[in-house]
Amino acid sequence: MITEKTPLNPVLAEYLKNINLNSVTSERKDILQPLVEYIQNKVDNQKQIRINFICTHNSRRSHLSQIWAQTAAAFFQINNVFCYSGGTEATALFPMVAKTLANSGFNVLTAMSGDNPVYAIKYAPNEHPVIGFSKKYDDEFNPEGEFAAIMTCSQADGGCPFIAGAEKRIPITFDDPKEFDNTPLQEEKYQERSLQIATEMFFVFSQIKK
């Protein structure tokens, strides 16, 4: 359990009681440490922190990582953090991801419908929403340089060896909940993966000294 520092949506604040930072294993801490160091260096030098979470289709894990990281930064009051996501190709944010986030306490609004809908995802009543839609990692919506590229799936990590403009490339991969699509376990497994990503992003930002 962690103590709230920034007022969040009430349901989301309650959901965060499920997060146990002590559950992050030593192996995962080693994987997360380069991101901790990247953020800490930016904080120490009073520079903006741009993090682009990259997966193959920018439909599931990269979005969950972006949204939970932005929320964790606000929660721990780490300023000047801007989180993005992208894929090696654009598809659509998978509807179960939006549902999973809504079930966790985010306010999820459909700003534009269609084949690639645009969502406004709010973690706090008075904070700017995270804009969620599928795009390539080098889309104009994302930064051109001075960012960390976080590879959230092994396929993108192996298939995209060079990320233009990235200061740092860090593989932090997660199992794909897609394998449970259209099964009785779908909702449970998406929630499980979301909680893992939330826990690890909150661990990362809990390590930052201001």
N, C-alpha and C. Protein backbone atom coordinates (compact mmCIF):
# COMPACT_ATOMS: atom_id res chain seq x y z
N MET A 1 0.85 -1.20 0.00
CA MET A 1 0.00 0.00 0.00
C MET A 1 0.88 1.25 0.00
N ILE A 2 0.49 2.24 -0.77
CA ILE A 2 1.24 3.49 -0.81
C ILE A 2 0.33 4.64 -0.43
N THR A 3 0.94 5.71 0.07
CA THR A 3 0.18 6.85 0.56
C THR A 3 0.05 7.90 -0.52
N GLU A 4 -1.16 8.37 -0.73
CA GLU A 4 -1.42 9.33 -1.81
C GLU A 4 -0.80 10.69 -1.50
N LYS A 5 -0.15 11.28 -2.48
CA LYS A 5 0.43 12.61 -2.36
C LYS A 5 -0.29 13.63 -3.23
N THR A 6 -0.78 13.20 -4.36
CA THR A 6 -1.53 14.08 -5.26
C THR A 6 -2.96 13.57 -5.35
N PRO A 7 -3.97 14.44 -5.17
CA PRO A 7 -5.36 13.98 -5.22
C PRO A 7 -5.70 13.36 -6.57
N LEU A 8 -6.17 12.13 -6.55
CA LEU A 8 -6.55 11.41 -7.76
C LEU A 8 -8.06 11.18 -7.75
N ASN A 9 -8.57 10.64 -8.85
CA ASN A 9 -9.97 10.23 -8.85
C ASN A 9 -10.21 9.31 -7.65
N PRO A 10 -11.30 9.48 -6.92
CA PRO A 10 -11.52 8.68 -5.70
C PRO A 10 -11.45 7.17 -5.92
N VAL A 11 -12.07 6.68 -7.00
CA VAL A 11 -12.04 5.24 -7.26
C VAL A 11 -10.61 4.78 -7.57
N LEU A 12 -9.86 5.59 -8.30
CA LEU A 12 -8.47 5.26 -8.61
C LEU A 12 -7.63 5.25 -7.34
N ALA A 13 -7.83 6.23 -6.47
CA ALA A 13 -7.10 6.27 -5.20
C ALA A 13 -7.36 5.01 -4.39
N GLU A 14 -8.59 4.53 -4.41
CA GLU A 14 -8.92 3.29 -3.70
C GLU A 14 -8.25 2.09 -4.36
N TYR A 15 -8.21 2.08 -5.69
CA TYR A 15 -7.60 0.99 -6.42
C TYR A 15 -6.10 0.87 -6.10
N LEU A 16 -5.45 1.99 -5.87
CA LEU A 16 -4.01 1.98 -5.61
C LEU A 16 -3.65 1.23 -4.34
N LYS A 17 -4.63 0.96 -3.50
CA LYS A 17 -4.37 0.16 -2.30
C LYS A 17 -3.98 -1.27 -2.68
N ASN A 18 -4.26 -1.66 -3.92
CA ASN A 18 -3.87 -2.99 -4.41
C ASN A 18 -2.39 -3.06 -4.78
N ILE A 19 -1.75 -1.89 -4.86
CA ILE A 19 -0.35 -1.87 -5.29
C ILE A 19 0.57 -2.12 -4.11
N ASN A 20 1.39 -3.13 -4.23
CA ASN A 20 2.37 -3.49 -3.21
C ASN A 20 3.76 -3.39 -3.82
N LEU A 21 4.46 -2.31 -3.51
CA LEU A 21 5.78 -2.09 -4.10
C LEU A 21 6.77 -3.18 -3.70
N ASN A 22 6.53 -3.82 -2.57
CA ASN A 22 7.42 -4.90 -2.13
C ASN A 22 7.29 -6.15 -2.98
N SER A 23 6.27 -6.19 -3.83
CA SER A 23 6.08 -7.36 -4.68
C SER A 23 6.99 -7.34 -5.92
N VAL A 24 7.64 -6.21 -6.17
CA VAL A 24 8.56 -6.12 -7.32
C VAL A 24 9.81 -6.94 -7.00
N THR A 25 10.09 -7.93 -7.81
CA THR A 25 11.21 -8.84 -7.55
C THR A 25 12.55 -8.16 -7.82
N SER A 26 13.60 -8.75 -7.29
CA SER A 26 14.95 -8.22 -7.52
C SER A 26 15.28 -8.22 -9.01
N GLU A 27 14.84 -9.27 -9.71
CA GLU A 27 15.09 -9.36 -11.15
C GLU A 27 14.42 -8.21 -11.88
N ARG A 28 13.17 -7.91 -11.53
CA ARG A 28 12.46 -6.80 -12.20
C ARG A 28 13.06 -5.46 -11.78
N LYS A 29 13.50 -5.33 -10.57
CA LYS A 29 14.14 -4.08 -10.13
C LYS A 29 15.37 -3.78 -10.97
N ASP A 30 16.15 -4.84 -11.28
CA ASP A 30 17.33 -4.65 -12.12
C ASP A 30 16.93 -4.17 -13.51
N ILE A 31 15.82 -4.69 -14.03
CA ILE A 31 15.32 -4.29 -15.35
C ILE A 31 14.85 -2.84 -15.33
N LEU A 32 14.23 -2.43 -14.22
CA LEU A 32 13.67 -1.09 -14.09
C LEU A 32 14.74 -0.03 -13.75
N GLN A 33 15.87 -0.46 -13.21
CA GLN A 33 16.87 0.49 -12.71
C GLN A 33 17.36 1.49 -13.76
N PRO A 34 17.60 1.09 -15.01
CA PRO A 34 18.04 2.11 -15.99
C PRO A 34 17.02 3.23 -16.18
N LEU A 35 15.73 2.93 -16.07
CA LEU A 35 14.71 3.98 -16.17
C LEU A 35 14.74 4.87 -14.94
N VAL A 36 14.92 4.29 -13.77
CA VAL A 36 15.08 5.08 -12.54
C VAL A 36 16.24 6.05 -12.70
N GLU A 37 17.36 5.55 -13.19
CA GLU A 37 18.55 6.38 -13.34
C GLU A 37 18.34 7.47 -14.38
N TYR A 38 17.66 7.16 -15.46
CA TYR A 38 17.39 8.16 -16.50
C TYR A 38 16.55 9.30 -15.92
N ILE A 39 15.48 8.95 -15.21
CA ILE A 39 14.60 9.97 -14.64
C ILE A 39 15.34 10.78 -13.58
N GLN A 40 16.10 10.09 -12.71
CA GLN A 40 16.82 10.79 -11.65
C GLN A 40 17.81 11.79 -12.22
N ASN A 41 18.51 11.42 -13.28
CA ASN A 41 19.46 12.32 -13.92
C ASN A 41 18.77 13.57 -14.44
N LYS A 42 17.60 13.40 -15.04
CA LYS A 42 16.85 14.55 -15.54
C LYS A 42 16.39 15.44 -14.39
N VAL A 43 15.91 14.83 -13.31
CA VAL A 43 15.47 15.60 -12.15
C VAL A 43 16.63 16.38 -11.57
N ASP A 44 17.78 15.73 -11.41
CA ASP A 44 18.97 16.38 -10.83
C ASP A 44 19.41 17.57 -11.65
N ASN A 45 19.22 17.48 -12.97
CA ASN A 45 19.65 18.56 -13.86
C ASN A 45 18.52 19.50 -14.25
N GLN A 46 17.37 19.33 -13.58
CA GLN A 46 16.20 20.19 -13.79
C GLN A 46 15.80 20.26 -15.26
N LYS A 47 15.75 19.09 -15.88
CA LYS A 47 15.37 19.00 -17.29
C LYS A 47 14.04 18.27 -17.42
N GLN A 48 13.36 18.51 -18.53
CA GLN A 48 12.11 17.81 -18.79
C GLN A 48 12.38 16.32 -19.01
N ILE A 49 11.41 15.52 -18.62
CA ILE A 49 11.54 14.06 -18.69
C ILE A 49 10.53 13.56 -19.70
N ARG A 50 11.01 13.06 -20.82
CA ARG A 50 10.14 12.53 -21.87
C ARG A 50 10.37 11.03 -22.00
N ILE A 51 9.29 10.27 -21.91
CA ILE A 51 9.39 8.82 -21.95
C ILE A 51 8.40 8.31 -23.00
N ASN A 52 8.92 7.59 -23.99
CA ASN A 52 8.08 7.04 -25.06
C ASN A 52 8.06 5.52 -24.92
N PHE A 53 6.89 4.97 -24.58
CA PHE A 53 6.72 3.53 -24.40
C PHE A 53 6.34 2.92 -25.76
N ILE A 54 7.13 1.97 -26.22
CA ILE A 54 7.00 1.47 -27.60
C ILE A 54 6.72 -0.02 -27.60
N CYS A 55 5.71 -0.40 -28.38
CA CYS A 55 5.36 -1.81 -28.59
C CYS A 55 5.07 -1.98 -30.08
N THR A 56 4.73 -3.18 -30.50
CA THR A 56 4.54 -3.42 -31.93
C THR A 56 3.34 -2.67 -32.49
N HIS A 57 2.17 -2.84 -31.87
CA HIS A 57 0.93 -2.29 -32.43
C HIS A 57 0.40 -1.07 -31.68
N ASN A 58 1.08 -0.66 -30.60
CA ASN A 58 0.60 0.45 -29.77
C ASN A 58 -0.89 0.29 -29.48
N SER A 59 -1.23 -0.89 -28.95
CA SER A 59 -2.64 -1.19 -28.69
C SER A 59 -2.92 -1.63 -27.26
N ARG A 60 -1.89 -2.11 -26.54
CA ARG A 60 -2.15 -2.66 -25.21
C ARG A 60 -1.07 -2.22 -24.20
N ARG A 61 0.05 -2.94 -24.18
CA ARG A 61 1.06 -2.74 -23.13
C ARG A 61 1.67 -1.34 -23.14
N SER A 62 1.92 -0.80 -24.32
CA SER A 62 2.53 0.53 -24.38
C SER A 62 1.58 1.61 -23.85
N HIS A 63 0.28 1.44 -24.11
CA HIS A 63 -0.69 2.40 -23.57
C HIS A 63 -0.80 2.28 -22.06
N LEU A 64 -0.89 1.05 -21.56
CA LEU A 64 -0.97 0.86 -20.12
C LEU A 64 0.26 1.45 -19.43
N SER A 65 1.43 1.25 -20.02
CA SER A 65 2.67 1.78 -19.45
C SER A 65 2.67 3.31 -19.45
N GLN A 66 2.28 3.90 -20.57
CA GLN A 66 2.23 5.37 -20.66
C GLN A 66 1.32 5.96 -19.60
N ILE A 67 0.13 5.41 -19.48
CA ILE A 67 -0.87 5.99 -18.59
C ILE A 67 -0.49 5.78 -17.12
N TRP A 68 -0.01 4.60 -16.78
CA TRP A 68 0.38 4.36 -15.40
C TRP A 68 1.63 5.15 -15.03
N ALA A 69 2.56 5.32 -15.95
CA ALA A 69 3.75 6.12 -15.65
C ALA A 69 3.39 7.58 -15.43
N GLN A 70 2.52 8.12 -16.27
CA GLN A 70 2.11 9.52 -16.10
C GLN A 70 1.38 9.70 -14.76
N THR A 71 0.58 8.73 -14.40
CA THR A 71 -0.14 8.78 -13.13
C THR A 71 0.82 8.70 -11.96
N ALA A 72 1.80 7.81 -12.05
CA ALA A 72 2.78 7.66 -10.98
C ALA A 72 3.61 8.92 -10.80
N ALA A 73 3.97 9.57 -11.90
CA ALA A 73 4.73 10.81 -11.81
C ALA A 73 3.94 11.88 -11.07
N ALA A 74 2.65 11.98 -11.39
CA ALA A 74 1.80 12.96 -10.70
C ALA A 74 1.63 12.59 -9.23
N PHE A 75 1.43 11.32 -8.99
CA PHE A 75 1.22 10.83 -7.62
C PHE A 75 2.39 11.20 -6.71
N PHE A 76 3.61 10.99 -7.21
CA PHE A 76 4.81 11.26 -6.42
C PHE A 76 5.33 12.69 -6.63
N GLN A 77 4.56 13.48 -7.35
CA GLN A 77 4.88 14.90 -7.58
C GLN A 77 6.27 15.10 -8.19
N ILE A 78 6.56 14.27 -9.19
CA ILE A 78 7.77 14.45 -9.99
C ILE A 78 7.35 15.31 -11.19
N ASN A 79 7.85 16.53 -11.23
CA ASN A 79 7.38 17.50 -12.22
C ASN A 79 8.06 17.30 -13.58
N ASN A 80 7.45 17.92 -14.59
CA ASN A 80 8.01 17.95 -15.95
C ASN A 80 8.19 16.57 -16.55
N VAL A 81 7.23 15.68 -16.27
CA VAL A 81 7.24 14.34 -16.85
C VAL A 81 6.18 14.28 -17.95
N PHE A 82 6.60 13.85 -19.14
CA PHE A 82 5.68 13.76 -20.27
C PHE A 82 5.82 12.36 -20.87
N CYS A 83 4.75 11.58 -20.73
CA CYS A 83 4.79 10.19 -21.19
C CYS A 83 4.03 10.03 -22.50
N TYR A 84 4.59 9.24 -23.39
CA TYR A 84 4.03 9.02 -24.72
C TYR A 84 4.01 7.51 -24.98
N SER A 85 3.38 7.13 -26.08
CA SER A 85 3.45 5.74 -26.52
C SER A 85 3.38 5.69 -28.03
N GLY A 86 3.88 4.60 -28.59
CA GLY A 86 3.85 4.42 -30.04
C GLY A 86 4.16 2.98 -30.39
N GLY A 87 3.98 2.66 -31.65
CA GLY A 87 4.25 1.31 -32.12
C GLY A 87 5.15 1.31 -33.32
N THR A 88 5.57 0.13 -33.74
CA THR A 88 6.27 0.02 -35.00
C THR A 88 5.26 0.11 -36.15
N GLU A 89 3.97 -0.04 -35.81
CA GLU A 89 2.87 0.24 -36.72
C GLU A 89 1.68 0.71 -35.90
N ALA A 90 0.76 1.41 -36.54
CA ALA A 90 -0.43 1.92 -35.86
C ALA A 90 -1.61 0.99 -36.12
N THR A 91 -2.39 0.72 -35.07
CA THR A 91 -3.59 -0.11 -35.21
C THR A 91 -4.75 0.62 -34.53
N ALA A 92 -5.03 0.26 -33.29
CA ALA A 92 -6.05 0.93 -32.48
C ALA A 92 -5.84 0.54 -31.03
N LEU A 93 -6.16 1.45 -30.13
CA LEU A 93 -6.14 1.11 -28.71
C LEU A 93 -7.23 0.06 -28.48
N PHE A 94 -6.84 -1.10 -27.96
CA PHE A 94 -7.79 -2.21 -27.83
C PHE A 94 -8.86 -1.87 -26.79
N PRO A 95 -10.13 -2.08 -27.09
CA PRO A 95 -11.21 -1.68 -26.17
C PRO A 95 -11.07 -2.23 -24.76
N MET A 96 -10.54 -3.44 -24.60
CA MET A 96 -10.40 -3.99 -23.26
C MET A 96 -9.40 -3.20 -22.42
N VAL A 97 -8.45 -2.54 -23.06
CA VAL A 97 -7.52 -1.67 -22.33
C VAL A 97 -8.29 -0.49 -21.74
N ALA A 98 -9.13 0.13 -22.55
CA ALA A 98 -9.94 1.25 -22.06
C ALA A 98 -10.85 0.79 -20.92
N LYS A 99 -11.44 -0.39 -21.06
CA LYS A 99 -12.32 -0.91 -20.02
C LYS A 99 -11.54 -1.20 -18.75
N THR A 100 -10.37 -1.77 -18.89
CA THR A 100 -9.53 -2.08 -17.73
C THR A 100 -9.17 -0.81 -16.97
N LEU A 101 -8.80 0.23 -17.69
CA LEU A 101 -8.46 1.50 -17.05
C LEU A 101 -9.67 2.11 -16.36
N ALA A 102 -10.82 2.05 -17.01
CA ALA A 102 -12.05 2.57 -16.40
C ALA A 102 -12.38 1.80 -15.12
N ASN A 103 -12.20 0.48 -15.16
CA ASN A 103 -12.47 -0.33 -13.97
C ASN A 103 -11.51 -0.02 -12.82
N SER A 104 -10.34 0.52 -13.16
CA SER A 104 -9.34 0.86 -12.15
C SER A 104 -9.57 2.25 -11.56
N GLY A 105 -10.48 3.02 -12.16
CA GLY A 105 -10.80 4.33 -11.60
C GLY A 105 -10.44 5.52 -12.46
N PHE A 106 -9.92 5.27 -13.67
CA PHE A 106 -9.67 6.37 -14.60
C PHE A 106 -11.00 6.81 -15.23
N ASN A 107 -11.13 8.08 -15.51
CA ASN A 107 -12.25 8.57 -16.31
C ASN A 107 -11.83 8.48 -17.77
N VAL A 108 -12.47 7.61 -18.51
CA VAL A 108 -12.10 7.35 -19.91
C VAL A 108 -13.21 7.88 -20.81
N LEU A 109 -12.89 8.90 -21.58
CA LEU A 109 -13.84 9.53 -22.48
C LEU A 109 -13.42 9.28 -23.93
N THR A 110 -14.37 8.95 -24.79
CA THR A 110 -14.07 8.78 -26.21
C THR A 110 -14.17 10.13 -26.88
N ALA A 111 -13.00 10.68 -27.23
CA ALA A 111 -12.97 12.00 -27.85
C ALA A 111 -13.30 11.93 -29.34
N MET A 112 -12.94 10.81 -29.96
CA MET A 112 -13.24 10.61 -31.38
C MET A 112 -13.35 9.11 -31.64
N SER A 113 -14.42 8.70 -32.28
CA SER A 113 -14.61 7.28 -32.58
C SER A 113 -14.09 6.99 -33.99
N GLY A 114 -14.18 5.71 -34.39
CA GLY A 114 -13.69 5.32 -35.71
C GLY A 114 -12.80 4.10 -35.61
N ASP A 115 -12.06 3.82 -36.67
CA ASP A 115 -11.19 2.65 -36.69
C ASP A 115 -10.04 2.78 -35.69
N ASN A 116 -9.62 4.00 -35.42
CA ASN A 116 -8.55 4.26 -34.45
C ASN A 116 -9.05 5.35 -33.50
N PRO A 117 -9.92 4.99 -32.56
CA PRO A 117 -10.53 6.00 -31.69
C PRO A 117 -9.51 6.72 -30.82
N VAL A 118 -9.87 7.94 -30.43
CA VAL A 118 -9.03 8.76 -29.56
C VAL A 118 -9.73 8.87 -28.21
N TYR A 119 -8.99 8.54 -27.15
CA TYR A 119 -9.52 8.58 -25.80
C TYR A 119 -8.84 9.69 -24.99
N ALA A 120 -9.62 10.31 -24.13
CA ALA A 120 -9.08 11.22 -23.11
C ALA A 120 -9.18 10.49 -21.79
N ILE A 121 -8.05 10.25 -21.16
CA ILE A 121 -7.99 9.39 -19.97
C ILE A 121 -7.49 10.24 -18.80
N LYS A 122 -8.37 10.44 -17.82
CA LYS A 122 -8.05 11.33 -16.70
C LYS A 122 -7.83 10.53 -15.41
N TYR A 123 -6.71 10.84 -14.75
CA TYR A 123 -6.41 10.20 -13.47
C TYR A 123 -6.75 11.10 -12.29
N ALA A 124 -6.98 12.37 -12.55
CA ALA A 124 -7.29 13.32 -11.49
C ALA A 124 -8.23 14.39 -12.03
N PRO A 125 -9.13 14.90 -11.20
CA PRO A 125 -10.13 15.85 -11.68
C PRO A 125 -9.54 17.12 -12.28
N ASN A 126 -8.41 17.59 -11.74
CA ASN A 126 -7.87 18.88 -12.17
C ASN A 126 -6.60 18.76 -13.00
N GLU A 127 -6.31 17.57 -13.50
CA GLU A 127 -5.11 17.37 -14.31
C GLU A 127 -5.49 17.14 -15.77
N HIS A 128 -4.57 17.50 -16.65
CA HIS A 128 -4.80 17.31 -18.07
C HIS A 128 -4.89 15.82 -18.38
N PRO A 129 -5.84 15.39 -19.22
CA PRO A 129 -5.95 13.97 -19.52
C PRO A 129 -4.79 13.47 -20.38
N VAL A 130 -4.52 12.19 -20.26
CA VAL A 130 -3.62 11.52 -21.20
C VAL A 130 -4.42 11.22 -22.46
N ILE A 131 -3.88 11.58 -23.61
CA ILE A 131 -4.55 11.33 -24.88
C ILE A 131 -4.08 9.98 -25.41
N GLY A 132 -5.02 9.04 -25.55
CA GLY A 132 -4.68 7.69 -25.97
C GLY A 132 -5.23 7.35 -27.34
N PHE A 133 -4.35 7.04 -28.27
CA PHE A 133 -4.74 6.51 -29.58
C PHE A 133 -3.52 5.82 -30.17
N SER A 134 -3.75 4.92 -31.09
CA SER A 134 -2.64 4.16 -31.66
C SER A 134 -1.90 4.99 -32.71
N LYS A 135 -0.58 4.93 -32.65
CA LYS A 135 0.26 5.72 -33.57
C LYS A 135 1.63 5.07 -33.65
N LYS A 136 2.40 5.40 -34.68
CA LYS A 136 3.78 4.94 -34.74
C LYS A 136 4.62 5.73 -33.74
N TYR A 137 5.71 5.13 -33.31
CA TYR A 137 6.53 5.77 -32.28
C TYR A 137 7.10 7.11 -32.72
N ASP A 138 7.26 7.30 -34.05
CA ASP A 138 7.80 8.56 -34.55
C ASP A 138 6.71 9.48 -35.09
N ASP A 139 5.48 9.25 -34.68
CA ASP A 139 4.37 10.11 -35.05
C ASP A 139 4.63 11.54 -34.59
N GLU A 140 4.07 12.52 -35.30
CA GLU A 140 4.27 13.93 -34.94
C GLU A 140 3.75 14.24 -33.54
N PHE A 141 2.83 13.42 -33.02
CA PHE A 141 2.30 13.63 -31.68
C PHE A 141 3.38 13.37 -30.62
N ASN A 142 4.38 12.57 -30.95
CA ASN A 142 5.43 12.18 -30.02
C ASN A 142 6.67 13.06 -30.18
N PRO A 143 7.55 13.04 -29.19
CA PRO A 143 8.76 13.89 -29.27
C PRO A 143 9.72 13.41 -30.35
N GLU A 144 10.46 14.36 -30.91
CA GLU A 144 11.45 14.04 -31.95
C GLU A 144 12.79 13.67 -31.34
N GLY A 145 13.06 14.13 -30.14
CA GLY A 145 14.35 13.87 -29.52
C GLY A 145 14.29 14.09 -28.01
N GLU A 146 15.43 13.82 -27.36
CA GLU A 146 15.57 14.00 -25.91
C GLU A 146 14.52 13.22 -25.13
N PHE A 147 14.41 11.93 -25.44
CA PHE A 147 13.47 11.08 -24.73
C PHE A 147 14.10 9.71 -24.51
N ALA A 148 13.53 8.97 -23.56
CA ALA A 148 13.90 7.57 -23.36
C ALA A 148 12.90 6.70 -24.11
N ALA A 149 13.38 5.73 -24.86
CA ALA A 149 12.53 4.78 -25.56
C ALA A 149 12.44 3.51 -24.72
N ILE A 150 11.25 3.22 -24.22
CA ILE A 150 11.04 2.05 -23.38
C ILE A 150 10.37 0.98 -24.23
N MET A 151 11.06 -0.11 -24.48
CA MET A 151 10.54 -1.18 -25.34
C MET A 151 9.73 -2.14 -24.47
N THR A 152 8.40 -2.12 -24.64
CA THR A 152 7.54 -2.88 -23.75
C THR A 152 7.20 -4.27 -24.27
N CYS A 153 7.67 -4.61 -25.48
CA CYS A 153 7.47 -5.98 -25.96
C CYS A 153 8.73 -6.43 -26.68
N SER A 154 9.04 -7.71 -26.56
CA SER A 154 10.28 -8.24 -27.12
C SER A 154 10.28 -8.17 -28.64
N GLN A 155 9.10 -8.26 -29.27
CA GLN A 155 9.03 -8.21 -30.73
C GLN A 155 9.48 -6.85 -31.24
N ALA A 156 8.99 -5.77 -30.61
CA ALA A 156 9.41 -4.43 -31.01
C ALA A 156 10.88 -4.20 -30.67
N ASP A 157 11.32 -4.74 -29.53
CA ASP A 157 12.70 -4.55 -29.11
C ASP A 157 13.66 -5.20 -30.10
N GLY A 158 13.29 -6.41 -30.57
CA GLY A 158 14.15 -7.11 -31.51
C GLY A 158 14.03 -6.61 -32.93
N GLY A 159 12.82 -6.17 -33.30
CA GLY A 159 12.58 -5.77 -34.68
C GLY A 159 12.84 -4.32 -34.98
N CYS A 160 13.11 -3.54 -33.95
CA CYS A 160 13.32 -2.10 -34.14
C CYS A 160 14.60 -1.70 -33.40
N PRO A 161 15.76 -2.03 -33.97
CA PRO A 161 17.02 -1.83 -33.25
C PRO A 161 17.43 -0.38 -33.07
N PHE A 162 16.86 0.53 -33.86
CA PHE A 162 17.26 1.94 -33.76
C PHE A 162 16.02 2.82 -33.65
N ILE A 163 15.98 3.65 -32.62
CA ILE A 163 14.89 4.60 -32.41
C ILE A 163 15.47 6.00 -32.57
N ALA A 164 15.15 6.66 -33.66
CA ALA A 164 15.70 7.99 -33.94
C ALA A 164 15.30 8.96 -32.84
N GLY A 165 16.27 9.73 -32.36
CA GLY A 165 16.02 10.77 -31.39
C GLY A 165 16.09 10.33 -29.94
N ALA A 166 16.13 9.01 -29.71
CA ALA A 166 16.14 8.52 -28.33
C ALA A 166 17.50 8.73 -27.69
N GLU A 167 17.51 9.30 -26.49
CA GLU A 167 18.75 9.43 -25.72
C GLU A 167 19.13 8.11 -25.07
N LYS A 168 18.11 7.33 -24.75
CA LYS A 168 18.32 6.07 -24.03
C LYS A 168 17.28 5.07 -24.51
N ARG A 169 17.71 3.86 -24.70
CA ARG A 169 16.81 2.78 -25.10
C ARG A 169 16.82 1.74 -23.99
N ILE A 170 15.63 1.45 -23.41
CA ILE A 170 15.56 0.57 -22.25
C ILE A 170 14.50 -0.50 -22.49
N PRO A 171 14.87 -1.77 -22.55
CA PRO A 171 13.86 -2.82 -22.67
C PRO A 171 13.22 -3.13 -21.31
N ILE A 172 11.92 -2.90 -21.21
CA ILE A 172 11.13 -3.29 -20.03
C ILE A 172 9.91 -4.01 -20.59
N THR A 173 10.05 -5.30 -20.81
CA THR A 173 9.01 -6.02 -21.54
C THR A 173 8.00 -6.66 -20.58
N PHE A 174 6.79 -6.79 -21.08
CA PHE A 174 5.68 -7.39 -20.34
C PHE A 174 5.02 -8.46 -21.21
N ASP A 175 4.47 -9.49 -20.56
CA ASP A 175 3.71 -10.50 -21.30
C ASP A 175 2.46 -9.86 -21.90
N ASP A 176 2.09 -10.32 -23.09
CA ASP A 176 0.97 -9.73 -23.83
C ASP A 176 -0.36 -10.35 -23.37
N PRO A 177 -1.28 -9.52 -22.85
CA PRO A 177 -2.59 -10.07 -22.48
C PRO A 177 -3.43 -10.47 -23.68
N LYS A 178 -2.98 -10.12 -24.88
CA LYS A 178 -3.72 -10.44 -26.10
C LYS A 178 -4.01 -11.93 -26.23
N GLU A 179 -3.11 -12.77 -25.69
CA GLU A 179 -3.29 -14.21 -25.84
C GLU A 179 -4.56 -14.72 -25.14
N PHE A 180 -5.16 -13.89 -24.30
CA PHE A 180 -6.39 -14.29 -23.62
C PHE A 180 -7.63 -13.64 -24.23
N ASP A 181 -7.45 -12.94 -25.36
CA ASP A 181 -8.61 -12.33 -26.02
C ASP A 181 -9.63 -13.40 -26.38
N ASN A 182 -10.90 -13.03 -26.20
CA ASN A 182 -12.02 -13.91 -26.54
C ASN A 182 -12.01 -15.22 -25.75
N THR A 183 -11.49 -15.17 -24.53
CA THR A 183 -11.54 -16.31 -23.61
C THR A 183 -12.22 -15.85 -22.33
N PRO A 184 -12.66 -16.78 -21.49
CA PRO A 184 -13.28 -16.41 -20.21
C PRO A 184 -12.33 -15.66 -19.28
N LEU A 185 -11.02 -15.76 -19.53
CA LEU A 185 -10.03 -15.13 -18.66
C LEU A 185 -9.62 -13.74 -19.14
N GLN A 186 -10.20 -13.26 -20.21
CA GLN A 186 -9.73 -12.01 -20.82
C GLN A 186 -9.70 -10.86 -19.83
N GLU A 187 -10.83 -10.55 -19.22
CA GLU A 187 -10.88 -9.39 -18.33
C GLU A 187 -9.92 -9.54 -17.15
N GLU A 188 -9.88 -10.73 -16.59
CA GLU A 188 -8.99 -10.98 -15.44
C GLU A 188 -7.53 -10.79 -15.83
N LYS A 189 -7.12 -11.29 -16.99
CA LYS A 189 -5.73 -11.22 -17.39
C LYS A 189 -5.32 -9.79 -17.78
N TYR A 190 -6.23 -9.02 -18.37
CA TYR A 190 -5.91 -7.62 -18.66
C TYR A 190 -5.73 -6.85 -17.36
N GLN A 191 -6.59 -7.13 -16.38
CA GLN A 191 -6.46 -6.46 -15.09
C GLN A 191 -5.16 -6.86 -14.40
N GLU A 192 -4.80 -8.11 -14.52
CA GLU A 192 -3.55 -8.60 -13.93
C GLU A 192 -2.35 -7.91 -14.55
N ARG A 193 -2.33 -7.80 -15.88
CA ARG A 193 -1.19 -7.14 -16.54
C ARG A 193 -1.17 -5.65 -16.20
N SER A 194 -2.33 -5.02 -16.17
CA SER A 194 -2.40 -3.60 -15.82
C SER A 194 -1.85 -3.37 -14.41
N LEU A 195 -2.20 -4.23 -13.47
CA LEU A 195 -1.72 -4.07 -12.09
C LEU A 195 -0.22 -4.27 -12.02
N GLN A 196 0.32 -5.22 -12.79
CA GLN A 196 1.78 -5.39 -12.80
C GLN A 196 2.47 -4.13 -13.31
N ILE A 197 1.98 -3.61 -14.42
CA ILE A 197 2.58 -2.41 -15.00
C ILE A 197 2.44 -1.23 -14.05
N ALA A 198 1.27 -1.08 -13.44
CA ALA A 198 1.07 0.00 -12.47
C ALA A 198 2.06 -0.12 -11.33
N THR A 199 2.21 -1.32 -10.79
CA THR A 199 3.10 -1.53 -9.65
C THR A 199 4.54 -1.18 -10.02
N GLU A 200 4.97 -1.57 -11.20
CA GLU A 200 6.36 -1.31 -11.58
C GLU A 200 6.60 0.15 -11.91
N MET A 201 5.62 0.82 -12.53
CA MET A 201 5.79 2.25 -12.80
C MET A 201 5.77 3.05 -11.49
N PHE A 202 4.93 2.65 -10.55
CA PHE A 202 4.91 3.32 -9.25
C PHE A 202 6.21 3.04 -8.49
N PHE A 203 6.75 1.85 -8.63
CA PHE A 203 8.05 1.58 -8.01
C PHE A 203 9.11 2.51 -8.58
N VAL A 204 9.15 2.64 -9.90
CA VAL A 204 10.14 3.51 -10.54
C VAL A 204 10.09 4.92 -9.96
N PHE A 205 8.92 5.51 -9.95
CA PHE A 205 8.82 6.90 -9.50
C PHE A 205 8.96 7.04 -7.99
N SER A 206 8.72 5.96 -7.24
CA SER A 206 8.93 6.02 -5.79
C SER A 206 10.42 6.12 -5.44
N GLN A 207 11.26 5.75 -6.39
CA GLN A 207 12.72 5.77 -6.16
C GLN A 207 13.36 7.13 -6.44
N ILE A 208 12.61 8.03 -7.03
CA ILE A 208 13.17 9.31 -7.46
C ILE A 208 13.28 10.28 -6.29
N LYS A 209 14.46 10.83 -6.11
CA LYS A 209 14.71 11.81 -5.04
C LYS A 209 14.64 13.21 -5.64
N LYS A 210 13.81 14.05 -5.05
CA LYS A 210 13.64 15.41 -5.57
C LYS A 210 14.61 16.38 -4.91
